[in-house]
Amino acid sequence: QVQLAESGGGLVQDGGSLRLSCAASGRTFSNYAMGWFRQAPGKEREYVAAINRSGGSTYYADSVKGRFTISRDNAKNTVYLQMNSLKPEDTAVYYCAATSRGLYYYTKADGMDYWGKGALVTVSS
């Protein structure tokens, strides 16, 4: 089992920045690729960003490319999502997730093995 706990959510103005953290415990963190997903009210959960086990490769949804940065610190068992130039349409509950599967599954919610409980990000206009 891997336990994931997000932190760092909150209220920010249009154009502002936030950094989300996700602390992992349980099994060896570096054995898992990590992803961030989000779910806005009334919408399906969608992929935001992913990072491979070593942190050497990162992947982004087109909607956040150039604004968000995913990173990880395997010594601290933590993955981060730095969010800049936030927009009201970024408002959602943000979830971190872990997968033991390969690259094909990084962007797929049903490819994740473990999920955190989520952190609410609200961007006001």
Protein backbone atom coordinates (compact mmCIF):
# COMPACT_ATOMS: atom_id res chain seq x y z
CA GLN A 1 0.00 0.00 0.00
CA VAL A 2 1.01 3.57 -0.66
CA GLN A 3 -0.60 6.41 1.25
CA LEU A 4 -0.70 9.80 -0.44
CA ALA A 5 -1.51 13.14 1.19
CA GLU A 6 -1.83 16.40 -0.72
CA SER A 7 -1.26 19.84 0.77
CA GLY A 8 -0.91 23.40 -0.42
CA GLY A 9 -4.31 24.06 -1.90
CA GLY A 10 -6.18 27.28 -1.31
CA LEU A 11 -7.66 30.42 -2.79
CA VAL A 12 -5.62 32.49 -5.24
CA GLN A 13 -6.40 35.32 -7.63
CA ASP A 14 -6.36 35.05 -11.40
CA GLY A 15 -2.71 35.08 -12.51
CA GLY A 16 -1.40 33.94 -9.16
CA SER A 17 0.66 30.91 -8.15
CA LEU A 18 0.37 27.94 -5.82
CA ARG A 19 2.51 24.91 -5.11
CA LEU A 20 0.90 21.61 -4.26
CA SER A 21 2.81 18.91 -2.42
CA CYS A 22 2.00 15.23 -2.14
CA ALA A 23 3.74 13.23 0.57
CA ALA A 24 3.91 9.47 0.13
CA SER A 25 4.35 6.76 2.72
CA GLY A 26 4.31 3.00 2.65
CA ARG A 27 6.09 1.25 -0.17
CA THR A 28 9.21 2.52 -1.91
CA PHE A 29 8.30 5.85 -3.45
CA SER A 30 10.83 5.64 -6.26
CA ASN A 31 9.15 2.49 -7.57
CA TYR A 32 6.17 4.55 -8.72
CA ALA A 33 5.56 7.07 -11.43
CA MET A 34 3.43 9.91 -10.12
CA GLY A 35 0.64 11.93 -11.60
CA TRP A 36 -1.56 14.89 -10.82
CA PHE A 37 -5.21 14.89 -11.85
CA ARG A 38 -8.00 17.36 -11.19
CA GLN A 39 -11.75 17.36 -11.04
CA ALA A 40 -13.85 20.49 -11.41
CA PRO A 41 -17.47 20.61 -10.19
CA GLY A 42 -19.72 18.73 -12.57
CA LYS A 43 -16.84 17.47 -14.69
CA GLU A 44 -14.89 14.26 -15.02
CA ARG A 45 -11.49 13.81 -13.46
CA GLU A 46 -8.79 14.85 -15.93
CA TYR A 47 -5.07 14.34 -16.24
CA VAL A 48 -2.83 17.31 -15.49
CA ALA A 49 0.80 16.14 -15.31
CA ALA A 50 2.97 13.10 -14.72
CA ILE A 51 6.56 12.31 -13.85
CA ASN A 52 8.51 9.10 -14.21
CA ARG A 53 10.19 7.20 -11.38
CA SER A 54 13.53 8.97 -11.52
CA GLY A 55 12.08 12.42 -12.19
CA GLY A 56 13.97 12.65 -15.46
CA SER A 57 10.88 12.79 -17.67
CA THR A 58 7.78 14.91 -17.25
CA TYR A 59 4.52 15.10 -19.16
CA TYR A 60 1.75 17.69 -19.26
CA ALA A 61 -1.77 18.18 -20.50
CA ASP A 62 -1.96 20.84 -23.20
CA SER A 63 -4.15 22.99 -20.94
CA VAL A 64 -1.35 23.47 -18.38
CA LYS A 65 1.80 23.18 -20.49
CA GLY A 66 4.09 26.14 -19.90
CA ARG A 67 2.27 27.14 -16.70
CA PHE A 68 2.58 24.10 -14.42
CA THR A 69 5.69 22.18 -13.43
CA ILE A 70 5.75 18.73 -11.86
CA SER A 71 8.78 17.58 -9.89
CA ARG A 72 9.68 15.00 -7.27
CA ASP A 73 12.17 14.49 -4.48
CA ASN A 74 12.65 10.79 -3.93
CA ALA A 75 14.69 11.42 -0.77
CA LYS A 76 11.67 13.18 0.73
CA ASN A 77 9.04 10.86 -0.79
CA THR A 78 7.28 13.90 -2.19
CA VAL A 79 5.95 15.05 -5.54
CA TYR A 80 5.17 18.69 -6.28
CA LEU A 81 3.03 20.65 -8.69
CA GLN A 82 4.07 24.27 -9.15
CA MET A 83 1.18 26.16 -10.70
CA ASN A 84 1.81 29.59 -12.19
CA SER A 85 -0.39 31.98 -14.18
CA LEU A 86 -3.46 30.36 -12.69
CA LYS A 87 -6.82 30.89 -14.36
CA PRO A 88 -10.37 30.55 -13.03
CA GLU A 89 -10.76 27.43 -15.18
CA ASP A 90 -8.00 25.79 -13.14
CA THR A 91 -10.38 25.71 -10.17
CA ALA A 92 -10.75 22.07 -9.12
CA VAL A 93 -9.88 19.47 -6.55
CA TYR A 94 -6.36 18.30 -7.36
CA TYR A 95 -5.37 14.70 -6.69
CA CYS A 96 -1.98 13.07 -6.72
CA ALA A 97 -1.74 9.45 -7.78
CA ALA A 98 0.85 6.72 -8.06
CA THR A 99 1.23 4.00 -10.64
CA SER A 100 3.48 0.97 -10.95
CA ARG A 101 2.56 0.68 -14.62
CA GLY A 102 4.38 1.92 -17.68
CA LEU A 103 4.31 5.16 -19.65
CA TYR A 104 1.07 4.32 -21.46
CA TYR A 105 -0.82 4.56 -18.18
CA TYR A 106 0.69 7.81 -16.87
CA THR A 107 -2.10 9.97 -18.26
CA LYS A 108 -4.98 7.64 -17.42
CA ALA A 109 -6.92 7.82 -14.18
CA ASP A 110 -7.77 4.12 -14.39
CA GLY A 111 -4.06 3.36 -14.72
CA MET A 112 -3.27 4.68 -11.24
CA ASP A 113 -2.86 2.31 -8.32
CA TYR A 114 -3.17 4.76 -5.42
CA TRP A 115 -4.83 8.13 -4.87
CA GLY A 116 -4.69 10.91 -2.35
CA LYS A 117 -7.82 12.52 -0.95
CA GLY A 118 -7.37 15.72 -2.92
CA ALA A 119 -6.66 19.40 -2.33
CA LEU A 120 -9.02 22.18 -3.38
CA VAL A 121 -7.62 24.95 -5.56
CA THR A 122 -9.86 27.93 -6.18
CA VAL A 123 -8.85 30.68 -8.60
CA SER A 124 -10.91 33.83 -8.35
CA SER A 125 -11.41 36.20 -11.26
